[in-house]
């Protein structure tokens, strides 16, 4: 990649509910003031990135398996699916095949977790991927 790269590191352990998720993204990615604090607004921001003054963005979510975890309120499981689908759609948006010689998208998403949670996180993402329509 050439140009400037902005790296945002978010913490899934701090994402207890949807509001905390939005706060992590708002603070970590320096979302614009017009951010609407809902899933559609987060999706729009991740799929646009014009507001970010960098050529590329690397989004790292530590303890991604703990975001909106099972120990949270039952409604948070649906919220987790919304979070993962939003991230998958944004990743798809920026990884569309480009002609040879053209750089790939501006957004790279890295979801990290403990080794013991890798299979669980993969299953969660796979189930959301099966539901996510193409961009």
C-alpha atoms as a PDB file:
ATOM      1  CA  UNK A   1       0.000   0.000   0.000  1.00  0.00           C
ATOM      2  CA  UNK A   2       1.176   3.473  -0.746  1.00  0.00           C
ATOM      3  CA  UNK A   3       0.022   6.651   0.937  1.00  0.00           C
ATOM      4  CA  UNK A   4      -0.977   7.299   4.515  1.00  0.00           C
ATOM      5  CA  UNK A   5      -2.525   4.601   6.677  1.00  0.00           C
ATOM      6  CA  UNK A   6      -4.723   5.181   9.713  1.00  0.00           C
ATOM      7  CA  UNK A   7      -4.759   2.355  12.259  1.00  0.00           C
ATOM      8  CA  UNK A   8      -7.641   2.076  14.720  1.00  0.00           C
ATOM      9  CA  UNK A   9      -7.561  -0.439  17.533  1.00  0.00           C
ATOM     10  CA  UNK A  10     -10.886  -1.243  19.195  1.00  0.00           C
ATOM     11  CA  UNK A  11     -11.552  -3.505  22.177  1.00  0.00           C
ATOM     12  CA  UNK A  12     -14.356  -6.071  21.980  1.00  0.00           C
ATOM     13  CA  UNK A  13     -14.318  -6.362  25.784  1.00  0.00           C
ATOM     14  CA  UNK A  14     -15.566  -2.768  25.923  1.00  0.00           C
ATOM     15  CA  UNK A  15     -18.433  -3.461  23.496  1.00  0.00           C
ATOM     16  CA  UNK A  16     -21.067  -4.449  26.067  1.00  0.00           C
ATOM     17  CA  UNK A  17     -24.046  -3.111  24.117  1.00  0.00           C
ATOM     18  CA  UNK A  18     -24.764  -1.359  20.830  1.00  0.00           C
ATOM     19  CA  UNK A  19     -24.093   2.088  22.295  1.00  0.00           C
ATOM     20  CA  UNK A  20     -20.664   0.948  23.504  1.00  0.00           C
ATOM     21  CA  UNK A  21     -19.945  -0.511  20.049  1.00  0.00           C
ATOM     22  CA  UNK A  22     -20.838   2.782  18.392  1.00  0.00           C
ATOM     23  CA  UNK A  23     -18.705   4.687  20.930  1.00  0.00           C
ATOM     24  CA  UNK A  24     -15.689   2.445  20.232  1.00  0.00           C
ATOM     25  CA  UNK A  25     -16.031   3.024  16.484  1.00  0.00           C
ATOM     26  CA  UNK A  26     -16.706   6.754  16.903  1.00  0.00           C
ATOM     27  CA  UNK A  27     -13.635   7.263  19.067  1.00  0.00           C
ATOM     28  CA  UNK A  28     -11.306   4.798  17.356  1.00  0.00           C
ATOM     29  CA  UNK A  29     -12.095   5.709  13.767  1.00  0.00           C
ATOM     30  CA  UNK A  30     -12.798   9.360  14.435  1.00  0.00           C
ATOM     31  CA  UNK A  31     -16.205   9.032  12.813  1.00  0.00           C
ATOM     32  CA  UNK A  32     -17.673  12.298  11.511  1.00  0.00           C
ATOM     33  CA  UNK A  33     -20.005  14.378  13.681  1.00  0.00           C
ATOM     34  CA  UNK A  34     -22.932  13.469  11.437  1.00  0.00           C
ATOM     35  CA  UNK A  35     -22.619   9.798  12.484  1.00  0.00           C
ATOM     36  CA  UNK A  36     -26.152   8.664  13.369  1.00  0.00           C
ATOM     37  CA  UNK A  37     -25.335   6.225  16.227  1.00  0.00           C
ATOM     38  CA  UNK A  38     -27.120   3.246  14.649  1.00  0.00           C
ATOM     39  CA  UNK A  39     -26.189   0.213  12.537  1.00  0.00           C
ATOM     40  CA  UNK A  40     -27.092   1.823   9.210  1.00  0.00           C
ATOM     41  CA  UNK A  41     -24.959   4.861  10.029  1.00  0.00           C
ATOM     42  CA  UNK A  42     -22.008   2.670  11.018  1.00  0.00           C
ATOM     43  CA  UNK A  43     -22.370   0.711   7.798  1.00  0.00           C
ATOM     44  CA  UNK A  44     -22.504   3.919   5.759  1.00  0.00           C
ATOM     45  CA  UNK A  45     -19.362   5.291   7.410  1.00  0.00           C
ATOM     46  CA  UNK A  46     -17.399   2.053   6.952  1.00  0.00           C
ATOM     47  CA  UNK A  47     -18.420   1.804   3.310  1.00  0.00           C
ATOM     48  CA  UNK A  48     -17.539   5.424   2.516  1.00  0.00           C
ATOM     49  CA  UNK A  49     -14.407   6.528   4.451  1.00  0.00           C
ATOM     50  CA  UNK A  50     -14.259   9.895   2.611  1.00  0.00           C
ATOM     51  CA  UNK A  51     -14.288  11.606   6.006  1.00  0.00           C
ATOM     52  CA  UNK A  52     -11.055   9.863   7.025  1.00  0.00           C
ATOM     53  CA  UNK A  53      -7.977  11.866   6.045  1.00  0.00           C
ATOM     54  CA  UNK A  54      -5.880   8.825   5.134  1.00  0.00           C
ATOM     55  CA  UNK A  55      -5.432   6.745   2.020  1.00  0.00           C
ATOM     56  CA  UNK A  56      -6.004   3.470   3.889  1.00  0.00           C
ATOM     57  CA  UNK A  57      -7.477   2.326   7.172  1.00  0.00           C
ATOM     58  CA  UNK A  58      -6.598  -0.738   9.229  1.00  0.00           C
ATOM     59  CA  UNK A  59      -9.272  -1.578  11.776  1.00  0.00           C
ATOM     60  CA  UNK A  60      -8.152  -3.989  14.500  1.00  0.00           C
ATOM     61  CA  UNK A  61     -10.748  -5.381  16.883  1.00  0.00           C
ATOM     62  CA  UNK A  62      -9.072  -7.049  19.841  1.00  0.00           C
ATOM     63  CA  UNK A  63     -11.098  -9.699  21.711  1.00  0.00           C
ATOM     64  CA  UNK A  64     -13.602  -9.647  18.848  1.00  0.00           C
ATOM     65  CA  UNK A  65     -15.237 -12.782  20.227  1.00  0.00           C
ATOM     66  CA  UNK A  66     -16.199 -10.840  23.357  1.00  0.00           C
ATOM     67  CA  UNK A  67     -18.038  -8.051  21.554  1.00  0.00           C
ATOM     68  CA  UNK A  68     -21.707  -8.220  22.535  1.00  0.00           C
ATOM     69  CA  UNK A  69     -20.893 -11.582  24.109  1.00  0.00           C
ATOM     70  CA  UNK A  70     -23.221 -14.407  25.119  1.00  0.00           C
ATOM     71  CA  UNK A  71     -23.047 -13.301  28.745  1.00  0.00           C
ATOM     72  CA  UNK A  72     -24.724 -10.048  27.773  1.00  0.00           C
ATOM     73  CA  UNK A  73     -28.456  -9.517  27.501  1.00  0.00           C
ATOM     74  CA  UNK A  74     -30.293 -11.906  25.116  1.00  0.00           C
ATOM     75  CA  UNK A  75     -30.982  -9.082  22.648  1.00  0.00           C
ATOM     76  CA  UNK A  76     -27.256  -8.521  22.294  1.00  0.00           C
ATOM     77  CA  UNK A  77     -26.878 -11.764  20.322  1.00  0.00           C
ATOM     78  CA  UNK A  78     -28.932 -10.168  17.557  1.00  0.00           C
ATOM     79  CA  UNK A  79     -26.797  -7.044  17.959  1.00  0.00           C
ATOM     80  CA  UNK A  80     -23.641  -9.154  17.572  1.00  0.00           C
ATOM     81  CA  UNK A  81     -24.974 -10.520  14.297  1.00  0.00           C
ATOM     82  CA  UNK A  82     -25.604  -6.920  13.161  1.00  0.00           C
ATOM     83  CA  UNK A  83     -22.053  -5.946  14.110  1.00  0.00           C
ATOM     84  CA  UNK A  84     -20.502  -8.883  12.285  1.00  0.00           C
ATOM     85  CA  UNK A  85     -22.711  -8.401   9.205  1.00  0.00           C
ATOM     86  CA  UNK A  86     -21.825  -4.696   9.141  1.00  0.00           C
ATOM     87  CA  UNK A  87     -18.110  -5.536   9.251  1.00  0.00           C
ATOM     88  CA  UNK A  88     -18.456  -8.262   6.613  1.00  0.00           C
ATOM     89  CA  UNK A  89     -20.333  -5.964   4.240  1.00  0.00           C
ATOM     90  CA  UNK A  90     -17.773  -3.202   4.706  1.00  0.00           C
ATOM     91  CA  UNK A  91     -14.964  -5.682   4.063  1.00  0.00           C
ATOM     92  CA  UNK A  92     -16.724  -6.929   0.938  1.00  0.00           C
ATOM     93  CA  UNK A  93     -17.213  -3.364  -0.251  1.00  0.00           C
ATOM     94  CA  UNK A  94     -13.507  -2.618  -0.091  1.00  0.00           C
ATOM     95  CA  UNK A  95     -12.250  -5.966  -1.441  1.00  0.00           C
ATOM     96  CA  UNK A  96     -13.983  -5.911  -4.814  1.00  0.00           C
ATOM     97  CA  UNK A  97     -11.750  -7.142  -7.650  1.00  0.00           C
ATOM     98  CA  UNK A  98      -9.862  -4.265  -9.209  1.00  0.00           C
ATOM     99  CA  UNK A  99      -8.121  -4.156 -12.599  1.00  0.00           C
ATOM    100  CA  UNK A 100      -4.468  -5.166 -12.594  1.00  0.00           C
ATOM    101  CA  UNK A 101      -2.211  -2.422 -11.294  1.00  0.00           C
ATOM    102  CA  UNK A 102      -4.945  -0.888  -9.140  1.00  0.00           C
ATOM    103  CA  UNK A 103      -4.517  -0.977  -5.377  1.00  0.00           C
ATOM    104  CA  UNK A 104      -7.033  -2.830  -3.276  1.00  0.00           C
ATOM    105  CA  UNK A 105      -9.485  -1.089  -1.011  1.00  0.00           C
ATOM    106  CA  UNK A 106      -8.881   1.396   1.722  1.00  0.00           C
ATOM    107  CA  UNK A 107     -10.189  -0.705   4.612  1.00  0.00           C
ATOM    108  CA  UNK A 108      -8.598  -3.770   6.170  1.00  0.00           C
ATOM    109  CA  UNK A 109     -10.412  -5.368   9.102  1.00  0.00           C
ATOM    110  CA  UNK A 110      -8.509  -7.581  11.541  1.00  0.00           C
ATOM    111  CA  UNK A 111     -10.476  -9.420  14.211  1.00  0.00           C
ATOM    112  CA  UNK A 112      -8.304 -10.948  16.905  1.00  0.00           C
ATOM    113  CA  UNK A 113      -9.107 -13.273  19.781  1.00  0.00           C
ATOM    114  CA  UNK A 114      -7.482 -15.850  22.032  1.00  0.00           C
ATOM    115  CA  UNK A 115      -6.494 -19.073  20.271  1.00  0.00           C
ATOM    116  CA  UNK A 116      -9.189 -20.967  22.180  1.00  0.00           C
ATOM    117  CA  UNK A 117     -11.894 -18.723  20.661  1.00  0.00           C
ATOM    118  CA  UNK A 118     -10.787 -18.848  17.005  1.00  0.00           C
ATOM    119  CA  UNK A 119     -13.178 -21.638  15.983  1.00  0.00           C
ATOM    120  CA  UNK A 120     -16.092 -19.942  17.754  1.00  0.00           C
ATOM    121  CA  UNK A 121     -15.359 -16.592  16.077  1.00  0.00           C
ATOM    122  CA  UNK A 122     -14.974 -18.265  12.678  1.00  0.00           C
ATOM    123  CA  UNK A 123     -18.344 -20.004  13.092  1.00  0.00           C
ATOM    124  CA  UNK A 124     -20.010 -16.748  14.117  1.00  0.00           C
ATOM    125  CA  UNK A 125     -18.568 -14.909  11.118  1.00  0.00           C
ATOM    126  CA  UNK A 126     -19.384 -17.755   8.749  1.00  0.00           C
ATOM    127  CA  UNK A 127     -23.041 -17.793   9.836  1.00  0.00           C
ATOM    128  CA  UNK A 128     -23.258 -14.026   9.328  1.00  0.00           C
ATOM    129  CA  UNK A 129     -21.492 -14.319   5.989  1.00  0.00           C
ATOM    130  CA  UNK A 130     -24.153 -16.758   4.790  1.00  0.00           C
ATOM    131  CA  UNK A 131     -26.769 -14.087   5.573  1.00  0.00           C
ATOM    132  CA  UNK A 132     -24.929 -11.049   4.202  1.00  0.00           C
ATOM    133  CA  UNK A 133     -25.938  -9.994   0.703  1.00  0.00           C
ATOM    134  CA  UNK A 134     -23.219  -8.861  -1.659  1.00  0.00           C
ATOM    135  CA  UNK A 135     -22.420  -5.123  -1.682  1.00  0.00           C
END
